[in-house]
């Protein structure tokens, strides 16, 4: 499998990302490992942001407003970022997200 395809597939779910990190075939490919780690860290970051929004969403009225805004901002923003990252990986570009990109680069270099 080509590195750009594997890098793009790493963003599909956490399963391909984990597989690309542990499979011997991709252990030496820093491009694929970078995108696999960035995918995991990005998805973990989204989950961490969703948890307080979901908890506050249980509060009547104000919580519902926070939940609706959270879905719009985090949901659409996360989806747009995800599409952008898949596109960059498929075009053989290494785009680092502000926080998780540096962590992914450090992990991929190991």
Protein backbone atom coordinates (compact mmCIF):
# COMPACT_ATOMS: atom_id res chain seq x y z
CA UNK A 1 0.00 0.00 0.00
CA UNK A 2 1.29 3.45 -0.88
CA UNK A 3 2.27 5.74 1.98
CA UNK A 4 -0.17 8.46 0.98
CA UNK A 5 -3.11 6.02 0.95
CA UNK A 6 -2.10 4.55 4.31
CA UNK A 7 -1.68 8.04 5.76
CA UNK A 8 -5.17 9.02 4.58
CA UNK A 9 -6.68 5.76 5.85
CA UNK A 10 -5.16 6.39 9.28
CA UNK A 11 -7.75 9.14 9.76
CA UNK A 12 -10.78 6.95 8.99
CA UNK A 13 -11.15 5.55 12.54
CA UNK A 14 -8.82 4.64 15.36
CA UNK A 15 -8.54 1.03 14.15
CA UNK A 16 -6.41 1.67 11.03
CA UNK A 17 -4.37 4.24 12.96
CA UNK A 18 -3.52 1.66 15.64
CA UNK A 19 -2.83 -1.00 13.01
CA UNK A 20 -0.43 1.29 11.13
CA UNK A 21 1.46 1.94 14.36
CA UNK A 22 1.90 -1.73 15.29
CA UNK A 23 2.21 -3.47 11.92
CA UNK A 24 5.80 -4.23 11.00
CA UNK A 25 5.19 -3.13 7.41
CA UNK A 26 4.63 0.50 8.49
CA UNK A 27 6.95 0.78 11.50
CA UNK A 28 9.75 2.25 9.41
CA UNK A 29 7.51 4.63 7.42
CA UNK A 30 7.64 7.90 9.38
CA UNK A 31 5.00 9.52 7.14
CA UNK A 32 2.39 6.87 7.91
CA UNK A 33 3.33 6.74 11.59
CA UNK A 34 3.03 10.54 11.86
CA UNK A 35 -0.47 10.54 10.40
CA UNK A 36 -1.51 7.55 12.52
CA UNK A 37 -0.36 9.25 15.72
CA UNK A 38 -1.86 12.59 14.72
CA UNK A 39 -5.15 10.84 13.99
CA UNK A 40 -5.19 9.21 17.42
CA UNK A 41 -4.26 12.41 19.24
CA UNK A 42 -6.78 14.46 17.23
CA UNK A 43 -9.61 12.03 17.97
CA UNK A 44 -8.64 11.88 21.63
CA UNK A 45 -8.65 15.69 21.76
CA UNK A 46 -12.13 15.81 20.24
CA UNK A 47 -13.36 13.30 22.81
CA UNK A 48 -11.88 15.35 25.66
CA UNK A 49 -13.67 18.44 24.33
CA UNK A 50 -16.98 16.60 23.90
CA UNK A 51 -17.18 15.28 27.47
CA UNK A 52 -17.79 18.63 29.24
CA UNK A 53 -20.19 19.71 26.51
CA UNK A 54 -22.24 16.56 27.01
CA UNK A 55 -22.21 16.97 30.80
CA UNK A 56 -23.33 20.62 30.61
CA UNK A 57 -25.96 19.57 28.07
CA UNK A 58 -27.98 17.96 30.87
CA UNK A 59 -28.68 21.37 32.44
CA UNK A 60 -32.10 22.64 31.31
CA UNK A 61 -32.15 25.50 28.79
CA UNK A 62 -28.57 26.85 29.20
CA UNK A 63 -27.16 23.35 28.81
CA UNK A 64 -29.19 22.83 25.66
CA UNK A 65 -27.80 26.03 24.17
CA UNK A 66 -24.26 24.93 25.03
CA UNK A 67 -24.98 21.53 23.52
CA UNK A 68 -26.32 23.02 20.28
CA UNK A 69 -23.37 25.40 19.98
CA UNK A 70 -20.98 22.55 20.80
CA UNK A 71 -22.46 20.39 18.07
CA UNK A 72 -22.20 23.22 15.57
CA UNK A 73 -18.70 24.41 16.46
CA UNK A 74 -16.97 21.22 17.55
CA UNK A 75 -18.91 18.88 15.27
CA UNK A 76 -18.57 20.85 12.06
CA UNK A 77 -15.10 22.11 12.94
CA UNK A 78 -13.90 18.61 13.75
CA UNK A 79 -15.43 17.22 10.57
CA UNK A 80 -13.86 19.96 8.44
CA UNK A 81 -10.47 19.42 10.06
CA UNK A 82 -10.79 15.67 9.54
CA UNK A 83 -11.52 16.12 5.79
CA UNK A 84 -8.61 18.56 5.53
CA UNK A 85 -6.21 16.09 7.21
CA UNK A 86 -7.30 13.22 4.95
CA UNK A 87 -6.78 15.45 1.91
CA UNK A 88 -3.31 16.55 3.08
CA UNK A 89 -2.21 12.98 3.85
CA UNK A 90 -3.45 11.73 0.50
CA UNK A 91 -1.45 14.47 -1.26
CA UNK A 92 1.75 13.39 0.54
CA UNK A 93 1.81 16.50 2.73
CA UNK A 94 2.75 16.47 6.39
CA UNK A 95 0.48 19.07 7.99
CA UNK A 96 0.96 19.44 11.75
CA UNK A 97 -1.99 20.51 13.85
CA UNK A 98 -1.07 23.13 16.47
CA UNK A 99 -0.92 20.97 19.61
CA UNK A 100 -1.20 17.34 18.59
CA UNK A 101 1.00 17.67 15.51
CA UNK A 102 4.15 18.21 17.52
CA UNK A 103 3.34 15.26 19.77
CA UNK A 104 2.67 13.09 16.73
CA UNK A 105 5.96 14.12 15.12
CA UNK A 106 7.85 13.21 18.29
CA UNK A 107 6.14 9.81 18.50
CA UNK A 108 6.68 9.07 14.80
CA UNK A 109 10.40 9.79 15.11
CA UNK A 110 10.87 7.06 17.74
